[in-house]
Each structure stands twice: as structure tokens, then as C-alpha cells.
Amino acid sequence: MRGGTQLGRARAKSGLSQRDVAEALGVAQSTVCRWEKGEREPRQRHLRALAILLRVDVGALIERRAA
């Protein structure tokens, strides 16, 4: 998954901070940061929760960028 950029954009568009997202999902803020940098991938349950929280489709978060 290379959806880190999409996740960061969706979060910023929603007006939420990384800390807000982390608290809502029960993860550390550093975890959200790593997801956004593409260093780690969210688990499936977190992807679903992110999509609901950010009001986007899961596909929008995991869309791959052309290399």
C-alpha cells in the first residue's frame, strides 16, 4: 500500500490532527505519522475506522500511485 499520501490529504481535508485520529482509533500519534509517511500500513480494522472517521471510501485511502 502506498496510500500514505492519500491518508494525509484526507486527514488534513477533514480538519483533524494526527493526534485526533490517533485518539479516535486508539493508536499512538506516531503510528498515524508512520501510516502517512508510508512506513507502515494500517490494519484492515483501522482502515475501515479511518474511512468512517475521514468520510472517505477505503479505496481512496489505499489507492496506489503510479511508480
Protein backbone atom coordinates (compact mmCIF):
# COMPACT_ATOMS: atom_id res chain seq x y z
CA MET A 1 0.00 0.00 0.00
CA ARG A 2 1.24 3.45 -0.86
CA GLY A 3 -1.76 5.28 0.48
CA GLY A 4 0.13 7.37 2.98
CA THR A 5 -0.20 10.49 0.87
CA GLN A 6 -3.91 9.91 0.40
CA LEU A 7 -4.37 9.35 4.11
CA GLY A 8 -2.57 12.58 4.99
CA ARG A 9 -4.60 14.56 2.47
CA ALA A 10 -7.89 13.08 3.65
CA ARG A 11 -6.99 13.80 7.27
CA ALA A 12 -5.97 17.38 6.52
CA LYS A 13 -9.13 17.95 4.48
CA SER A 14 -11.23 16.71 7.39
CA GLY A 15 -9.57 19.23 9.70
CA LEU A 16 -8.32 16.57 12.10
CA SER A 17 -4.83 16.41 13.53
CA GLN A 18 -2.76 13.24 13.69
CA ARG A 19 -3.41 13.25 17.43
CA ASP A 20 -7.20 13.45 16.85
CA VAL A 21 -7.06 10.45 14.51
CA ALA A 22 -4.81 8.51 16.87
CA GLU A 23 -7.13 9.07 19.82
CA ALA A 24 -10.20 8.08 17.80
CA LEU A 25 -8.53 4.85 16.67
CA GLY A 26 -6.77 4.02 19.93
CA VAL A 27 -3.27 4.13 18.46
CA ALA A 28 -0.23 6.31 19.08
CA GLN A 29 0.17 9.57 17.16
CA SER A 30 3.50 8.24 15.88
CA THR A 31 1.61 5.32 14.32
CA VAL A 32 -0.59 7.69 12.33
CA CYS A 33 2.54 9.58 11.28
CA ARG A 34 4.15 6.34 10.04
CA TRP A 35 0.99 5.46 8.09
CA GLU A 36 1.06 8.86 6.42
CA LYS A 37 4.75 8.51 5.54
CA GLY A 38 4.12 5.07 4.08
CA GLU A 39 6.48 3.46 6.59
CA ARG A 40 3.74 1.21 7.98
CA GLU A 41 0.37 0.02 6.79
CA PRO A 42 -2.79 0.28 8.87
CA ARG A 43 -4.50 -2.98 9.72
CA GLN A 44 -7.78 -3.68 7.98
CA ARG A 45 -9.85 -2.71 11.02
CA HIS A 46 -8.01 0.60 11.21
CA LEU A 47 -8.57 1.23 7.50
CA ARG A 48 -12.31 0.82 7.98
CA ALA A 49 -12.29 3.10 11.02
CA LEU A 50 -10.20 5.69 9.15
CA ALA A 51 -12.61 5.67 6.22
CA ILE A 52 -15.56 6.28 8.54
CA LEU A 53 -13.75 8.94 10.56
CA LEU A 54 -12.49 10.79 7.49
CA ARG A 55 -15.69 10.20 5.49
CA VAL A 56 -13.97 8.62 2.51
CA ASP A 57 -14.05 5.23 0.83
CA VAL A 58 -11.44 2.72 1.94
CA GLY A 59 -10.32 2.62 -1.70
CA ALA A 60 -9.42 6.29 -1.56
CA LEU A 61 -7.02 5.55 1.30
CA ILE A 62 -5.27 2.60 -0.33
CA GLU A 63 -5.19 3.78 -3.93
CA ARG A 64 -1.77 3.05 -5.35
CA ARG A 65 0.20 5.76 -7.05
CA ALA A 66 1.87 5.03 -10.36
CA ALA A 67 5.58 4.40 -9.85
